[in-house]
Amino acid sequence: MNMKIKGTGSALPPKVLTNKDLEAMVETSDEWIRERTGIESRHISEKDTVASLATKACQKALENANQTAESVELIIVATCSPEMLLPCCACQVQKNLDARKAVCFDVNAACSGFLFGLQTAFAYLSAGFYRNALIVGSEVLSKIVDWEDRGTCILFGDGAGAVYVEACEETHFLSFVQGSDGSKGEVLSCNDRSLFGAQNLDRFVRMDGREVYKFATRQVPLCMEEALKKANLSVADVDFFVLHQANLRILEAISKRIGAEMKLFPYNVNRVGNMSSAAIPVLLDELNQKGVLLEGMKLVLSGFGAGLTYGACVVCW
């Protein structure tokens, strides 16, 4: 058995924080941010939680697939910014959707989380355990960002993206690649948010931007090439590379490294910033809603994140 994406959905908080807004909050400038990241604005949650954003994205994915929540058998939420330790976010989404039949759990692979969730669902569906699933990446990173640290606060945004998938006989997912390098985990980290009373913990995201850039521009091309090789395809066969939206300069560097034109790398990081696990599914939904994705197109989804983690998959739309 294989699986097919039957519906996509996304949800972004209404509040938009522009680079000009940030100029009044931290020592930075619109020009400085654009030059280094390509980011112009990001969405920031005022009322939404990780679970509420995930629920909205899942509802839209179900509507797009002409399905109802009562038929959903598996819900996987990828997140690294949940408000609650227990219950898991996926169970909160189940409650909100009234998807009573669904088995629910979370995964945390940071910005690679959606891809890890996607492969987990593939394993369950291809083994015949379940017939369908909702996979959603959802983040409210604004609450774990230090708004006085200009090296990180300019990067991140909030949002959620989801896909509804069904088991099928046709081969739509052609290959998967996953990997981790825990020896370099300290370059992108965030301590537990004082859950155990350690008031002196630094509870914000901290990042060595140079090391993350080096890791991403080296590892993402390697895992994409491995995934294409497994699928018996080449870079020239790919219609779009739908990558994690961390930084426009990273996307440009990856484009050059694999020898593919930048026009094959759609992006929205300029408008929404880095949304961690939500980045790939939100962009996928945007492309789907615009009618850009046509049946039979070959897509490469790939990302990297804290852990350090990375992954890629090849999809026939």
C-alpha atoms as a PDB file:
ATOM      1  CA  MET A   1       0.000   0.000   0.000  1.00  0.00           C
ATOM      2  CA  ASN A   2       1.003   3.616  -0.558  1.00  0.00           C
ATOM      3  CA  MET A   3      -0.750   6.859   0.383  1.00  0.00           C
ATOM      4  CA  LYS A   4      -2.018   9.975  -1.344  1.00  0.00           C
ATOM      5  CA  ILE A   5      -2.511  13.562  -0.186  1.00  0.00           C
ATOM      6  CA  LYS A   6      -6.218  14.212  -0.670  1.00  0.00           C
ATOM      7  CA  GLY A   7      -6.531  17.580   1.029  1.00  0.00           C
ATOM      8  CA  THR A   8      -4.498  20.470   2.432  1.00  0.00           C
ATOM      9  CA  GLY A   9      -5.245  23.281   4.868  1.00  0.00           C
ATOM     10  CA  SER A  10      -3.530  26.057   6.782  1.00  0.00           C
ATOM     11  CA  ALA A  11      -4.185  28.679   9.440  1.00  0.00           C
ATOM     12  CA  LEU A  12      -2.315  31.887  10.239  1.00  0.00           C
ATOM     13  CA  PRO A  13      -3.038  34.276  13.132  1.00  0.00           C
ATOM     14  CA  PRO A  14      -4.462  37.613  11.902  1.00  0.00           C
ATOM     15  CA  LYS A  15      -1.815  39.841  13.517  1.00  0.00           C
ATOM     16  CA  VAL A  16       1.101  40.694  11.197  1.00  0.00           C
ATOM     17  CA  LEU A  17       4.388  41.944  12.623  1.00  0.00           C
ATOM     18  CA  THR A  18       6.472  43.755  10.011  1.00  0.00           C
ATOM     19  CA  ASN A  19      10.176  44.544  10.013  1.00  0.00           C
ATOM     20  CA  LYS A  20       9.222  48.180  10.604  1.00  0.00           C
ATOM     21  CA  ASP A  21       7.381  47.108  13.746  1.00  0.00           C
ATOM     22  CA  LEU A  22      10.494  45.277  14.921  1.00  0.00           C
ATOM     23  CA  GLU A  23      12.580  48.413  14.497  1.00  0.00           C
ATOM     24  CA  ALA A  24      10.713  49.855  17.478  1.00  0.00           C
ATOM     25  CA  MET A  25      11.307  46.736  19.589  1.00  0.00           C
ATOM     26  CA  VAL A  26      14.950  45.796  19.028  1.00  0.00           C
ATOM     27  CA  GLU A  27      18.097  47.266  17.502  1.00  0.00           C
ATOM     28  CA  THR A  28      17.590  46.261  13.879  1.00  0.00           C
ATOM     29  CA  SER A  29      16.315  47.612  10.570  1.00  0.00           C
ATOM     30  CA  ASP A  30      14.088  46.503   7.742  1.00  0.00           C
ATOM     31  CA  GLU A  31      17.039  46.659   5.357  1.00  0.00           C
ATOM     32  CA  TRP A  32      19.261  44.552   7.648  1.00  0.00           C
ATOM     33  CA  ILE A  33      16.611  41.843   8.051  1.00  0.00           C
ATOM     34  CA  ARG A  34      15.744  41.672   4.346  1.00  0.00           C
ATOM     35  CA  GLU A  35      19.380  41.512   3.291  1.00  0.00           C
ATOM     36  CA  ARG A  36      20.238  38.620   5.604  1.00  0.00           C
ATOM     37  CA  THR A  37      17.012  36.610   5.633  1.00  0.00           C
ATOM     38  CA  GLY A  38      14.632  37.795   2.916  1.00  0.00           C
ATOM     39  CA  ILE A  39      11.926  38.115   5.589  1.00  0.00           C
ATOM     40  CA  GLU A  40       9.599  41.131   5.494  1.00  0.00           C
ATOM     41  CA  SER A  41       6.860  40.130   7.957  1.00  0.00           C
ATOM     42  CA  ARG A  42       5.528  37.300  10.095  1.00  0.00           C
ATOM     43  CA  HIS A  43       2.218  36.347  11.767  1.00  0.00           C
ATOM     44  CA  ILE A  44       2.070  36.493  15.574  1.00  0.00           C
ATOM     45  CA  SER A  45      -0.611  34.842  17.696  1.00  0.00           C
ATOM     46  CA  GLU A  46      -2.516  36.937  20.223  1.00  0.00           C
ATOM     47  CA  LYS A  47      -5.234  34.412  21.155  1.00  0.00           C
ATOM     48  CA  ASP A  48      -4.587  31.242  19.153  1.00  0.00           C
ATOM     49  CA  THR A  49      -2.782  28.266  20.666  1.00  0.00           C
ATOM     50  CA  VAL A  50      -0.854  25.493  18.956  1.00  0.00           C
ATOM     51  CA  ALA A  51      -3.956  23.295  19.280  1.00  0.00           C
ATOM     52  CA  SER A  52      -6.432  25.901  17.978  1.00  0.00           C
ATOM     53  CA  LEU A  53      -4.275  26.690  14.937  1.00  0.00           C
ATOM     54  CA  ALA A  54      -3.801  22.968  14.278  1.00  0.00           C
ATOM     55  CA  THR A  55      -7.556  22.421  14.534  1.00  0.00           C
ATOM     56  CA  LYS A  56      -8.301  25.160  11.994  1.00  0.00           C
ATOM     57  CA  ALA A  57      -5.717  23.788   9.550  1.00  0.00           C
ATOM     58  CA  CYS A  58      -7.121  20.253   9.925  1.00  0.00           C
ATOM     59  CA  GLN A  59     -10.688  21.450   9.373  1.00  0.00           C
ATOM     60  CA  LYS A  60      -9.626  23.104   6.121  1.00  0.00           C
ATOM     61  CA  ALA A  61      -7.725  20.001   4.999  1.00  0.00           C
ATOM     62  CA  LEU A  62     -10.808  17.870   5.619  1.00  0.00           C
ATOM     63  CA  GLU A  63     -12.997  20.329   3.707  1.00  0.00           C
ATOM     64  CA  ASN A  64     -10.509  20.318   0.834  1.00  0.00           C
ATOM     65  CA  ALA A  65     -10.673  16.508   0.763  1.00  0.00           C
ATOM     66  CA  ASN A  66     -14.488  16.433   1.135  1.00  0.00           C
ATOM     67  CA  GLN A  67     -14.147  14.376   4.309  1.00  0.00           C
ATOM     68  CA  THR A  68     -15.543  14.601   7.826  1.00  0.00           C
ATOM     69  CA  ALA A  69     -13.746  14.373  11.151  1.00  0.00           C
ATOM     70  CA  GLU A  70     -15.702  11.305  12.228  1.00  0.00           C
ATOM     71  CA  SER A  71     -13.933   9.218   9.562  1.00  0.00           C
ATOM     72  CA  VAL A  72     -10.381  10.167  10.625  1.00  0.00           C
ATOM     73  CA  GLU A  73      -8.388   7.241  12.020  1.00  0.00           C
ATOM     74  CA  LEU A  74      -5.028   8.843  12.890  1.00  0.00           C
ATOM     75  CA  ILE A  75      -3.978  12.360  13.930  1.00  0.00           C
ATOM     76  CA  ILE A  76      -0.297  13.286  14.185  1.00  0.00           C
ATOM     77  CA  VAL A  77       0.674  16.776  15.350  1.00  0.00           C
ATOM     78  CA  ALA A  78       4.241  17.937  14.793  1.00  0.00           C
ATOM     79  CA  THR A  79       5.202  20.750  17.155  1.00  0.00           C
ATOM     80  CA  CYS A  80       8.042  22.001  19.339  1.00  0.00           C
ATOM     81  CA  SER A  81       6.038  24.752  21.055  1.00  0.00           C
ATOM     82  CA  PRO A  82       3.037  23.131  22.791  1.00  0.00           C
ATOM     83  CA  GLU A  83       1.401  25.065  25.620  1.00  0.00           C
ATOM     84  CA  MET A  84       0.710  21.874  27.567  1.00  0.00           C
ATOM     85  CA  LEU A  85       2.794  18.845  28.438  1.00  0.00           C
ATOM     86  CA  LEU A  86      -0.344  16.737  28.910  1.00  0.00           C
ATOM     87  CA  PRO A  87      -2.618  16.032  27.161  1.00  0.00           C
ATOM     88  CA  CYS A  88      -0.706  15.978  23.904  1.00  0.00           C
ATOM     89  CA  CYS A  89      -1.705  18.499  21.268  1.00  0.00           C
ATOM     90  CA  ALA A  90      -3.079  15.799  18.941  1.00  0.00           C
ATOM     91  CA  CYS A  91      -5.598  14.745  21.600  1.00  0.00           C
ATOM     92  CA  GLN A  92      -6.672  18.373  21.995  1.00  0.00           C
ATOM     93  CA  VAL A  93      -7.174  18.562  18.221  1.00  0.00           C
ATOM     94  CA  GLN A  94      -9.176  15.324  18.316  1.00  0.00           C
ATOM     95  CA  LYS A  95     -11.448  16.855  20.942  1.00  0.00           C
ATOM     96  CA  ASN A  96     -11.870  20.081  18.974  1.00  0.00           C
ATOM     97  CA  LEU A  97     -12.684  18.203  15.760  1.00  0.00           C
ATOM     98  CA  ASP A  98     -14.808  15.544  17.520  1.00  0.00           C
ATOM     99  CA  ALA A  99     -12.747  12.928  15.665  1.00  0.00           C
ATOM    100  CA  ARG A 100     -13.621  10.194  18.158  1.00  0.00           C
ATOM    101  CA  LYS A 101     -12.203   7.250  16.173  1.00  0.00           C
ATOM    102  CA  ALA A 102      -8.734   8.741  15.736  1.00  0.00           C
ATOM    103  CA  VAL A 103      -5.563   7.533  17.402  1.00  0.00           C
ATOM    104  CA  CYS A 104      -3.575  10.634  18.391  1.00  0.00           C
ATOM    105  CA  PHE A 105      -0.002  11.544  19.283  1.00  0.00           C
ATOM    106  CA  ASP A 106       2.604  14.295  18.841  1.00  0.00           C
ATOM    107  CA  VAL A 107       6.077  14.240  17.297  1.00  0.00           C
ATOM    108  CA  ASN A 108       8.872  16.719  17.991  1.00  0.00           C
ATOM    109  CA  ALA A 109      11.618  16.977  15.387  1.00  0.00           C
ATOM    110  CA  ALA A 110      11.424  20.787  15.347  1.00  0.00           C
ATOM    111  CA  CYS A 111      11.451  22.171  11.797  1.00  0.00           C
ATOM    112  CA  SER A 112      11.691  18.626  10.371  1.00  0.00           C
ATOM    113  CA  GLY A 113       8.637  17.569  12.373  1.00  0.00           C
ATOM    114  CA  PHE A 114       6.072  17.619   9.573  1.00  0.00           C
ATOM    115  CA  LEU A 115       8.272  15.388   7.400  1.00  0.00           C
ATOM    116  CA  PHE A 116       8.810  12.990  10.293  1.00  0.00           C
ATOM    117  CA  GLY A 117       5.051  12.927  10.896  1.00  0.00           C
ATOM    118  CA  LEU A 118       4.419  12.312   7.213  1.00  0.00           C
ATOM    119  CA  GLN A 119       6.741   9.302   7.133  1.00  0.00           C
ATOM    120  CA  THR A 120       5.228   7.966  10.355  1.00  0.00           C
ATOM    121  CA  ALA A 121       1.760   8.133   8.798  1.00  0.00           C
ATOM    122  CA  PHE A 122       3.114   6.453   5.660  1.00  0.00           C
ATOM    123  CA  ALA A 123       4.454   3.571   7.767  1.00  0.00           C
ATOM    124  CA  TYR A 124       1.094   3.087   9.505  1.00  0.00           C
ATOM    125  CA  LEU A 125      -0.981   3.324   6.323  1.00  0.00           C
ATOM    126  CA  SER A 126       1.284   1.203   4.143  1.00  0.00           C
ATOM    127  CA  ALA A 127       1.297  -1.498   6.827  1.00  0.00           C
ATOM    128  CA  GLY A 128      -2.498  -1.506   6.803  1.00  0.00           C
ATOM    129  CA  PHE A 129      -3.009  -0.338  10.400  1.00  0.00           C
ATOM    130  CA  TYR A 130      -5.049   2.710   9.347  1.00  0.00           C
ATOM    131  CA  ARG A 131      -6.764   3.870   6.166  1.00  0.00           C
ATOM    132  CA  ASN A 132      -6.329   7.634   6.550  1.00  0.00           C
ATOM    133  CA  ALA A 133      -4.620  10.288   8.643  1.00  0.00           C
ATOM    134  CA  LEU A 134      -4.312  13.977   9.402  1.00  0.00           C
ATOM    135  CA  ILE A 135      -0.732  15.234   9.712  1.00  0.00           C
ATOM    136  CA  VAL A 136      -0.346  18.801  10.926  1.00  0.00           C
ATOM    137  CA  GLY A 137       2.585  21.030  11.796  1.00  0.00           C
ATOM    138  CA  SER A 138       1.587  23.768  14.238  1.00  0.00           C
ATOM    139  CA  GLU A 139       3.660  26.325  16.137  1.00  0.00           C
ATOM    140  CA  VAL A 140       3.293  29.392  18.328  1.00  0.00           C
ATOM    141  CA  LEU A 141       6.982  30.208  18.428  1.00  0.00           C
ATOM    142  CA  SER A 142       6.409  33.809  19.470  1.00  0.00           C
ATOM    143  CA  LYS A 143       6.090  32.721  23.105  1.00  0.00           C
ATOM    144  CA  ILE A 144       9.548  31.105  23.171  1.00  0.00           C
ATOM    145  CA  VAL A 145      11.336  33.870  21.263  1.00  0.00           C
ATOM    146  CA  ASP A 146      13.453  36.419  23.103  1.00  0.00           C
ATOM    147  CA  TRP A 147      12.161  39.703  21.682  1.00  0.00           C
ATOM    148  CA  GLU A 148      15.354  41.437  22.775  1.00  0.00           C
ATOM    149  CA  ASP A 149      17.585  39.082  20.757  1.00  0.00           C
ATOM    150  CA  ARG A 150      17.793  40.487  17.242  1.00  0.00           C
ATOM    151  CA  GLY A 151      19.519  37.331  16.004  1.00  0.00           C
ATOM    152  CA  THR A 152      16.408  35.195  16.554  1.00  0.00           C
ATOM    153  CA  CYS A 153      13.309  37.369  17.030  1.00  0.00           C
ATOM    154  CA  ILE A 154      13.433  38.560  13.416  1.00  0.00           C
ATOM    155  CA  LEU A 155      13.133  35.007  12.090  1.00  0.00           C
ATOM    156  CA  PHE A 156      10.128  33.261  13.564  1.00  0.00           C
ATOM    157  CA  GLY A 157       6.374  33.325  13.005  1.00  0.00           C
ATOM    158  CA  ASP A 158       3.262  31.419  14.110  1.00  0.00           C
ATOM    159  CA  GLY A 159       0.936  29.224  12.080  1.00  0.00           C
ATOM    160  CA  ALA A 160      -0.246  25.735  11.180  1.00  0.00           C
ATOM    161  CA  GLY A 161      -0.488  23.595   8.059  1.00  0.00           C
ATOM    162  CA  ALA A 162      -2.110  20.191   7.561  1.00  0.00           C
ATOM    163  CA  VAL A 163      -2.625  17.424   5.045  1.00  0.00           C
ATOM    164  CA  TYR A 164      -5.259  14.697   4.939  1.00  0.00           C
ATOM    165  CA  VAL A 165      -3.923  11.471   3.441  1.00  0.00           C
ATOM    166  CA  GLU A 166      -5.510   8.159   2.460  1.00  0.00           C
ATOM    167  CA  ALA A 167      -4.065   4.726   1.778  1.00  0.00           C
ATOM    168  CA  CYS A 168      -4.081   3.807  -1.900  1.00  0.00           C
ATOM    169  CA  GLU A 169      -2.708   1.268  -4.375  1.00  0.00           C
ATOM    170  CA  GLU A 170      -1.049   3.840  -6.644  1.00  0.00           C
ATOM    171  CA  THR A 171       2.487   4.966  -5.871  1.00  0.00           C
ATOM    172  CA  HIS A 172       2.393   8.635  -4.885  1.00  0.00           C
ATOM    173  CA  PHE A 173       5.135   8.732  -2.254  1.00  0.00           C
ATOM    174  CA  LEU A 174       8.198   7.520  -4.108  1.00  0.00           C
ATOM    175  CA  SER A 175      10.833   7.723  -1.367  1.00  0.00           C
ATOM    176  CA  PHE A 176      11.684   9.006   2.106  1.00  0.00           C
ATOM    177  CA  VAL A 177      14.973   9.949   3.769  1.00  0.00           C
ATOM    178  CA  GLN A 178      15.419  10.865   7.431  1.00  0.00           C
ATOM    179  CA  GLY A 179      18.422  11.620   9.611  1.00  0.00           C
ATOM    180  CA  SER A 180      19.628  13.085  12.885  1.00  0.00           C
ATOM    181  CA  ASP A 181      22.882  14.419  14.315  1.00  0.00           C
ATOM    182  CA  GLY A 182      22.507  14.885  18.043  1.00  0.00           C
ATOM    183  CA  SER A 183      26.196  15.740  18.436  1.00  0.00           C
ATOM    184  CA  LYS A 184      25.415  19.198  17.040  1.00  0.00           C
ATOM    185  CA  GLY A 185      22.194  19.788  18.919  1.00  0.00           C
ATOM    186  CA  GLU A 186      23.525  22.724  20.905  1.00  0.00           C
ATOM    187  CA  VAL A 187      23.584  24.993  17.833  1.00  0.00           C
ATOM    188  CA  LEU A 188      19.767  25.324  18.013  1.00  0.00           C
ATOM    189  CA  SER A 189      18.161  24.795  21.393  1.00  0.00           C
ATOM    190  CA  CYS A 190      15.479  25.869  23.858  1.00  0.00           C
ATOM    191  CA  ASN A 191      15.251  24.864  27.511  1.00  0.00           C
ATOM    192  CA  ASP A 192      12.080  23.503  29.061  1.00  0.00           C
ATOM    193  CA  ARG A 193       9.902  26.478  29.955  1.00  0.00           C
ATOM    194  CA  SER A 194      10.348  26.212  33.757  1.00  0.00           C
ATOM    195  CA  LEU A 195       8.032  23.199  33.974  1.00  0.00           C
ATOM    196  CA  PHE A 196      10.026  21.861  36.894  1.00  0.00           C
ATOM    197  CA  GLY A 197      10.495  25.100  38.793  1.00  0.00           C
ATOM    198  CA  ALA A 198      14.008  25.909  37.556  1.00  0.00           C
ATOM    199  CA  GLN A 199      13.428  29.632  37.436  1.00  0.00           C
ATOM    200  CA  ASN A 200      16.970  30.416  36.316  1.00  0.00           C
ATOM    201  CA  LEU A 201      16.660  28.504  33.064  1.00  0.00           C
ATOM    202  CA  ASP A 202      16.991  30.440  29.825  1.00  0.00           C
ATOM    203  CA  ARG A 203      13.628  29.509  28.327  1.00  0.00           C
ATOM    204  CA  PHE A 204      14.059  31.074  24.881  1.00  0.00           C
ATOM    205  CA  VAL A 205      15.234  29.759  21.530  1.00  0.00           C
ATOM    206  CA  ARG A 206      18.988  30.184  21.101  1.00  0.00           C
ATOM    207  CA  MET A 207      20.720  29.648  17.785  1.00  0.00           C
ATOM    208  CA  ASP A 208      24.173  29.705  16.250  1.00  0.00           C
ATOM    209  CA  GLY A 209      23.030  31.073  12.900  1.00  0.00           C
ATOM    210  CA  ARG A 210      26.295  30.424  11.086  1.00  0.00           C
ATOM    211  CA  GLU A 211      26.402  26.755  12.083  1.00  0.00           C
ATOM    212  CA  VAL A 212      22.735  26.233  11.199  1.00  0.00           C
ATOM    213  CA  TYR A 213      23.341  27.817   7.784  1.00  0.00           C
ATOM    214  CA  LYS A 214      26.326  25.533   7.156  1.00  0.00           C
ATOM    215  CA  PHE A 215      24.361  22.453   8.232  1.00  0.00           C
ATOM    216  CA  ALA A 216      21.310  23.299   6.115  1.00  0.00           C
ATOM    217  CA  THR A 217      23.166  24.170   2.916  1.00  0.00           C
ATOM    218  CA  ARG A 218      25.217  20.969   3.150  1.00  0.00           C
ATOM    219  CA  GLN A 219      22.719  18.426   4.491  1.00  0.00           C
ATOM    220  CA  VAL A 220      19.533  19.371   2.632  1.00  0.00           C
ATOM    221  CA  PRO A 221      21.074  18.912  -0.857  1.00  0.00           C
ATOM    222  CA  LEU A 222      22.547  15.577   0.242  1.00  0.00           C
ATOM    223  CA  CYS A 223      19.274  14.169   1.569  1.00  0.00           C
ATOM    224  CA  MET A 224      17.309  15.450  -1.450  1.00  0.00           C
ATOM    225  CA  GLU A 225      19.768  13.777  -3.798  1.00  0.00           C
ATOM    226  CA  GLU A 226      19.494  10.540  -1.794  1.00  0.00           C
ATOM    227  CA  ALA A 227      15.688  10.678  -1.934  1.00  0.00           C
ATOM    228  CA  LEU A 228      15.759  11.282  -5.701  1.00  0.00           C
ATOM    229  CA  LYS A 229      18.169   8.387  -6.186  1.00  0.00           C
ATOM    230  CA  LYS A 230      15.842   6.084  -4.242  1.00  0.00           C
ATOM    231  CA  ALA A 231      12.999   7.208  -6.511  1.00  0.00           C
ATOM    232  CA  ASN A 232      15.098   6.683  -9.654  1.00  0.00           C
ATOM    233  CA  LEU A 233      14.764  10.357 -10.521  1.00  0.00           C
ATOM    234  CA  SER A 234      17.144  13.266 -11.031  1.00  0.00           C
ATOM    235  CA  VAL A 235      17.003  16.965 -10.211  1.00  0.00           C
ATOM    236  CA  ALA A 236      15.862  17.598 -13.782  1.00  0.00           C
ATOM    237  CA  ASP A 237      12.702  15.499 -13.171  1.00  0.00           C
ATOM    238  CA  VAL A 238      11.464  17.694 -10.302  1.00  0.00           C
ATOM    239  CA  ASP A 239       8.716  20.245 -10.874  1.00  0.00           C
ATOM    240  CA  PHE A 240       8.996  21.958  -7.471  1.00  0.00           C
ATOM    241  CA  PHE A 241      11.224  21.799  -4.416  1.00  0.00           C
ATOM    242  CA  VAL A 242       8.959  22.566  -1.442  1.00  0.00           C
ATOM    243  CA  LEU A 243      11.481  23.224   1.312  1.00  0.00           C
ATOM    244  CA  HIS A 244      11.451  24.336   4.911  1.00  0.00           C
ATOM    245  CA  GLN A 245      11.116  28.123   4.952  1.00  0.00           C
ATOM    246  CA  ALA A 246      13.904  29.131   7.327  1.00  0.00           C
ATOM    247  CA  ASN A 247      15.684  31.808   5.385  1.00  0.00           C
ATOM    248  CA  LEU A 248      15.559  32.924   1.750  1.00  0.00           C
ATOM    249  CA  ARG A 249      19.361  32.965   1.562  1.00  0.00           C
ATOM    250  CA  ILE A 250      19.436  29.269   2.534  1.00  0.00           C
ATOM    251  CA  LEU A 251      16.961  28.463  -0.249  1.00  0.00           C
ATOM    252  CA  GLU A 252      19.088  30.356  -2.753  1.00  0.00           C
ATOM    253  CA  ALA A 253      22.249  28.543  -1.639  1.00  0.00           C
ATOM    254  CA  ILE A 254      20.554  25.136  -1.916  1.00  0.00           C
ATOM    255  CA  SER A 255      19.259  26.037  -5.390  1.00  0.00           C
ATOM    256  CA  LYS A 256      22.792  26.784  -6.557  1.00  0.00           C
ATOM    257  CA  ARG A 257      24.290  23.718  -4.902  1.00  0.00           C
ATOM    258  CA  ILE A 258      21.976  21.249  -6.639  1.00  0.00           C
ATOM    259  CA  GLY A 259      21.982  23.120  -9.952  1.00  0.00           C
ATOM    260  CA  ALA A 260      18.246  23.912 -10.111  1.00  0.00           C
ATOM    261  CA  GLU A 261      16.736  27.283 -10.988  1.00  0.00           C
ATOM    262  CA  MET A 262      15.351  29.338  -8.126  1.00  0.00           C
ATOM    263  CA  LYS A 263      11.981  29.480  -9.904  1.00  0.00           C
ATOM    264  CA  LEU A 264      11.537  25.818  -8.904  1.00  0.00           C
ATOM    265  CA  PHE A 265      11.756  26.809  -5.222  1.00  0.00           C
ATOM    266  CA  PRO A 266       8.445  28.449  -4.268  1.00  0.00           C
ATOM    267  CA  TYR A 267       8.624  30.412  -1.037  1.00  0.00           C
ATOM    268  CA  ASN A 268       6.538  32.414   1.402  1.00  0.00           C
ATOM    269  CA  VAL A 269       9.201  33.020   4.052  1.00  0.00           C
ATOM    270  CA  ASN A 270       9.185  36.695   3.066  1.00  0.00           C
ATOM    271  CA  ARG A 271       5.570  36.979   4.302  1.00  0.00           C
ATOM    272  CA  VAL A 272       5.383  34.475   7.176  1.00  0.00           C
ATOM    273  CA  GLY A 273       8.930  33.951   8.461  1.00  0.00           C
ATOM    274  CA  ASN A 274      10.160  30.629   9.823  1.00  0.00           C
ATOM    275  CA  MET A 275       7.205  28.657  11.234  1.00  0.00           C
ATOM    276  CA  SER A 276       9.218  25.537  12.083  1.00  0.00           C
ATOM    277  CA  SER A 277       7.091  22.382  11.558  1.00  0.00           C
ATOM    278  CA  ALA A 278       4.281  24.427   9.966  1.00  0.00           C
ATOM    279  CA  ALA A 279       6.432  25.870   7.173  1.00  0.00           C
ATOM    280  CA  ILE A 280       6.245  23.063   4.599  1.00  0.00           C
ATOM    281  CA  PRO A 281       2.526  22.221   4.956  1.00  0.00           C
ATOM    282  CA  VAL A 282       1.498  25.907   4.889  1.00  0.00           C
ATOM    283  CA  LEU A 283       3.462  26.444   1.676  1.00  0.00           C
ATOM    284  CA  LEU A 284       2.062  23.208   0.223  1.00  0.00           C
ATOM    285  CA  ASP A 285      -1.476  24.411   0.967  1.00  0.00           C
ATOM    286  CA  GLU A 286      -0.795  27.793  -0.645  1.00  0.00           C
ATOM    287  CA  LEU A 287       0.415  26.081  -3.826  1.00  0.00           C
ATOM    288  CA  ASN A 288      -2.538  23.707  -3.812  1.00  0.00           C
ATOM    289  CA  GLN A 289      -5.124  26.458  -3.273  1.00  0.00           C
ATOM    290  CA  LYS A 290      -3.603  28.516  -6.100  1.00  0.00           C
ATOM    291  CA  GLY A 291      -3.938  25.546  -8.473  1.00  0.00           C
ATOM    292  CA  VAL A 292      -0.196  25.433  -9.073  1.00  0.00           C
ATOM    293  CA  LEU A 293       0.094  21.716  -8.301  1.00  0.00           C
ATOM    294  CA  LEU A 294      -1.051  19.538 -11.184  1.00  0.00           C
ATOM    295  CA  GLU A 295      -1.647  15.792 -11.227  1.00  0.00           C
ATOM    296  CA  GLY A 296       1.550  13.875 -11.935  1.00  0.00           C
ATOM    297  CA  MET A 297       3.921  16.649 -10.868  1.00  0.00           C
ATOM    298  CA  LYS A 298       7.044  15.491  -9.047  1.00  0.00           C
ATOM    299  CA  LEU A 299       7.695  17.346  -5.769  1.00  0.00           C
ATOM    300  CA  VAL A 300      10.569  17.135  -3.337  1.00  0.00           C
ATOM    301  CA  LEU A 301       9.714  18.094   0.230  1.00  0.00           C
ATOM    302  CA  SER A 302      12.728  18.675   2.448  1.00  0.00           C
ATOM    303  CA  GLY A 303      13.667  20.345   5.693  1.00  0.00           C
ATOM    304  CA  PHE A 304      16.044  20.553   8.626  1.00  0.00           C
ATOM    305  CA  GLY A 305      15.743  21.540  12.237  1.00  0.00           C
ATOM    306  CA  ALA A 306      16.853  21.385  15.838  1.00  0.00           C
ATOM    307  CA  GLY A 307      18.186  18.070  16.991  1.00  0.00           C
ATOM    308  CA  LEU A 308      19.796  18.372  14.565  1.00  0.00           C
ATOM    309  CA  THR A 309      17.296  16.634  12.269  1.00  0.00           C
ATOM    310  CA  TYR A 310      16.706  16.532   8.532  1.00  0.00           C
ATOM    311  CA  GLY A 311      14.514  14.772   6.004  1.00  0.00           C
ATOM    312  CA  ALA A 312      13.216  14.628   2.453  1.00  0.00           C
ATOM    313  CA  CYS A 313      10.600  12.830   0.438  1.00  0.00           C
ATOM    314  CA  VAL A 314       9.653  12.597  -3.226  1.00  0.00           C
ATOM    315  CA  VAL A 315       5.943  12.885  -4.036  1.00  0.00           C
ATOM    316  CA  CYS A 316       4.015  12.358  -7.254  1.00  0.00           C
ATOM    317  CA  TRP A 317       1.085  14.769  -6.881  1.00  0.00           C
END
